[in-house]
Amino acid sequence: MEKKKKSIGFNIIKSDPTDGHKGYGVGALSLDNVSPVFIDIEEEDVFVDIGAMHARSVVEKGIKFLKTKEEVPNGKPYWLVWVTIDRQEEGPYYAGVTACEMTVDRSIRRGYKSLPEHVNKMDKSLKRKIMVDFMDDKSKGLLAAYLENHDKGMWERSSDELKEGLKVT
């Protein structure tokens, strides 16, 4: 008799999970306000791809990810940046911004990323942390320009920590 594999499910609950009742979903995180933003460093392109929420972005599709960067020596560099938006009295702002490294070599359909790092950085973004100081200057500049151009008011209302973290030296 063949044993069935147990599948482990992960529920993403839209909107407020405690809205109207006190049962299922209480204490679950809502991912409504987090967006995955990719930075293609070589092409100087910045874009949102919601598919990254389930590792199904255009960058990740068809790629087998390996455990070390050295296994993908010709990988094209990307940043996956988790951007969380919150609201204050004056309006919305960028509350959490965390970056994760990723490389992809389409010719061999292989790439590098650390899944635990990606999950932890998404969690840190949801917890309103800013973690961008380790990014290269070119990428910082691209991200800062993207966030500012996306919504100047949100950029202006964001923390000095974010603006300083993305300042190109």
Protein backbone atom coordinates (compact mmCIF):
# COMPACT_ATOMS: atom_id res chain seq x y z
CA MET A 1 0.00 0.00 0.00
CA GLU A 2 1.41 3.36 -1.08
CA LYS A 3 1.70 6.07 1.56
CA LYS A 4 0.14 9.42 0.69
CA LYS A 5 2.32 12.47 1.18
CA LYS A 6 0.91 15.01 3.58
CA SER A 7 0.65 18.43 2.06
CA ILE A 8 1.33 21.39 4.26
CA GLY A 9 -0.97 24.28 3.43
CA PHE A 10 -0.36 27.94 4.08
CA ASN A 11 -3.39 30.18 4.22
CA ILE A 12 -3.18 33.75 3.10
CA ILE A 13 -6.22 35.54 4.39
CA LYS A 14 -7.42 38.65 2.61
CA SER A 15 -8.63 41.66 4.55
CA ASP A 16 -9.05 41.68 8.32
CA PRO A 17 -9.25 38.06 9.51
CA THR A 18 -11.03 39.12 12.72
CA ASP A 19 -13.62 41.29 10.97
CA GLY A 20 -17.05 40.38 12.31
CA HIS A 21 -16.25 37.15 14.14
CA LYS A 22 -13.86 35.67 16.62
CA GLY A 23 -13.31 32.24 15.06
CA TYR A 24 -11.16 31.04 12.17
CA GLY A 25 -8.19 33.21 11.27
CA VAL A 26 -7.83 35.07 14.56
CA GLY A 27 -4.21 36.09 14.93
CA ALA A 28 -3.36 35.33 11.30
CA LEU A 29 -1.30 37.85 9.38
CA SER A 30 -3.00 39.76 6.61
CA LEU A 31 -0.76 40.21 3.59
CA ASP A 32 -2.96 42.85 1.94
CA ASN A 33 -0.46 45.67 2.31
CA VAL A 34 2.78 43.97 1.25
CA SER A 35 4.03 44.01 -2.34
CA PRO A 36 6.97 42.19 -3.93
CA VAL A 37 9.07 44.64 -5.95
CA PHE A 38 11.81 43.30 -8.22
CA ILE A 39 14.92 45.19 -9.22
CA ASP A 40 16.58 43.94 -12.40
CA ILE A 41 19.99 45.50 -11.78
CA GLU A 42 21.42 45.00 -15.29
CA GLU A 43 18.34 46.31 -17.11
CA GLU A 44 17.79 49.06 -14.50
CA ASP A 45 14.15 47.99 -14.31
CA VAL A 46 11.95 48.04 -11.20
CA PHE A 47 8.54 46.32 -11.22
CA VAL A 48 5.93 44.74 -8.98
CA ASP A 49 5.13 41.05 -9.52
CA ILE A 50 2.49 39.71 -7.15
CA GLY A 51 3.40 36.17 -8.30
CA ALA A 52 6.41 36.38 -5.97
CA MET A 53 4.02 35.94 -3.03
CA HIS A 54 4.01 32.25 -4.00
CA ALA A 55 7.44 32.12 -5.73
CA ARG A 56 5.65 32.28 -9.10
CA SER A 57 6.97 35.57 -10.46
CA VAL A 58 8.19 35.97 -14.06
CA VAL A 59 11.75 35.98 -12.67
CA GLU A 60 11.25 32.70 -10.75
CA LYS A 61 9.08 30.68 -13.19
CA GLY A 62 10.85 27.68 -14.70
CA ILE A 63 13.93 28.09 -12.51
CA LYS A 64 15.27 25.51 -10.08
CA PHE A 65 16.86 27.35 -7.18
CA LEU A 66 20.09 25.99 -5.72
CA LYS A 67 21.51 26.51 -2.24
CA THR A 68 24.68 28.47 -3.05
CA LYS A 69 25.50 31.39 -5.31
CA GLU A 70 28.63 29.56 -6.51
CA GLU A 71 26.45 26.91 -8.19
CA VAL A 72 25.10 29.63 -10.51
CA PRO A 73 28.27 31.53 -11.52
CA ASN A 74 26.66 33.34 -14.48
CA GLY A 75 23.45 34.26 -12.68
CA LYS A 76 21.82 37.59 -13.50
CA PRO A 77 21.45 39.59 -10.27
CA TYR A 78 18.07 40.70 -8.92
CA TRP A 79 16.75 42.11 -5.67
CA LEU A 80 13.34 41.08 -4.39
CA VAL A 81 12.17 43.87 -2.12
CA TRP A 82 9.20 43.40 0.19
CA VAL A 83 7.40 46.75 0.52
CA THR A 84 4.74 47.11 3.22
CA ILE A 85 2.39 50.08 3.15
CA ASP A 86 0.72 51.41 6.27
CA ARG A 87 -1.51 54.38 6.97
CA GLN A 88 -1.11 57.25 9.39
CA GLU A 89 -3.32 60.28 9.94
CA GLU A 90 -1.66 62.20 7.09
CA GLY A 91 -2.01 59.27 4.67
CA PRO A 92 -0.28 56.09 3.50
CA TYR A 93 3.49 55.60 3.69
CA TYR A 94 6.17 52.97 3.07
CA ALA A 95 6.34 51.32 6.51
CA GLY A 96 8.48 48.23 5.91
CA VAL A 97 11.05 47.75 3.16
CA THR A 98 13.36 44.71 3.13
CA ALA A 99 15.56 43.41 0.31
CA CYS A 100 16.59 39.85 -0.63
CA GLU A 101 19.25 38.80 -3.08
CA MET A 102 18.51 36.48 -6.01
CA THR A 103 20.33 35.37 -9.17
CA VAL A 104 18.92 33.62 -12.24
CA ASP A 105 20.66 31.96 -15.19
CA ARG A 106 17.93 31.34 -17.77
CA SER A 107 20.29 29.46 -20.11
CA ILE A 108 20.62 26.60 -17.59
CA ARG A 109 17.26 27.25 -15.87
CA ARG A 110 18.96 27.54 -12.49
CA GLY A 111 19.17 30.26 -9.90
CA TYR A 112 20.13 31.12 -6.36
CA LYS A 113 17.95 32.37 -3.55
CA SER A 114 17.63 31.58 0.11
CA LEU A 115 13.99 30.73 0.72
CA PRO A 116 14.32 31.13 4.52
CA GLU A 117 15.83 34.59 3.97
CA HIS A 118 12.99 35.57 1.63
CA VAL A 119 10.35 34.43 4.14
CA ASN A 120 12.12 36.14 7.06
CA LYS A 121 12.54 39.38 5.12
CA MET A 122 8.86 39.39 4.15
CA ASP A 123 8.04 38.90 7.84
CA LYS A 124 10.38 41.77 8.82
CA SER A 125 8.73 44.02 6.25
CA LEU A 126 5.30 43.17 7.65
CA LYS A 127 6.70 44.10 11.08
CA ARG A 128 7.62 47.56 9.69
CA LYS A 129 11.39 47.04 9.51
CA ILE A 130 13.73 48.80 7.07
CA MET A 131 16.56 46.53 5.83
CA VAL A 132 18.21 47.97 2.71
CA ASP A 133 21.64 49.20 3.80
CA PHE A 134 23.47 46.16 2.31
CA MET A 135 22.18 46.84 -1.22
CA ASP A 136 24.52 48.21 -3.90
CA ASP A 137 24.26 51.94 -4.66
CA LYS A 138 22.82 51.45 -8.15
CA SER A 139 19.96 49.33 -6.77
CA LYS A 140 19.32 51.74 -3.89
CA GLY A 141 19.00 54.58 -6.38
CA LEU A 142 16.63 52.59 -8.60
CA LEU A 143 14.43 51.61 -5.64
CA ALA A 144 14.36 55.13 -4.16
CA ALA A 145 13.37 56.61 -7.55
CA TYR A 146 10.69 53.95 -8.04
CA LEU A 147 9.12 54.47 -4.61
CA GLU A 148 9.23 58.26 -4.91
CA ASN A 149 7.78 58.25 -8.45
CA HIS A 150 5.11 55.72 -7.50
CA ASP A 151 3.63 58.11 -4.92
CA LYS A 152 5.55 61.22 -3.88
CA GLY A 153 3.30 61.74 -0.85
CA MET A 154 3.90 58.22 0.43
CA TRP A 155 7.65 58.74 -0.01
CA GLU A 156 7.55 62.06 1.86
CA ARG A 157 5.56 60.53 4.75
CA SER A 158 7.99 57.59 5.02
CA SER A 159 10.62 57.38 7.73
CA ASP A 160 13.99 59.09 7.60
CA GLU A 161 15.44 55.62 8.21
CA LEU A 162 14.14 54.50 4.78
CA LYS A 163 15.32 57.64 3.00
CA GLU A 164 18.76 57.43 4.64
CA GLY A 165 18.98 53.69 3.94
CA LEU A 166 18.39 54.28 0.22
CA LYS A 167 20.63 57.32 -0.02
CA VAL A 168 23.38 56.72 -2.56
CA THR A 169 26.84 57.63 -1.25
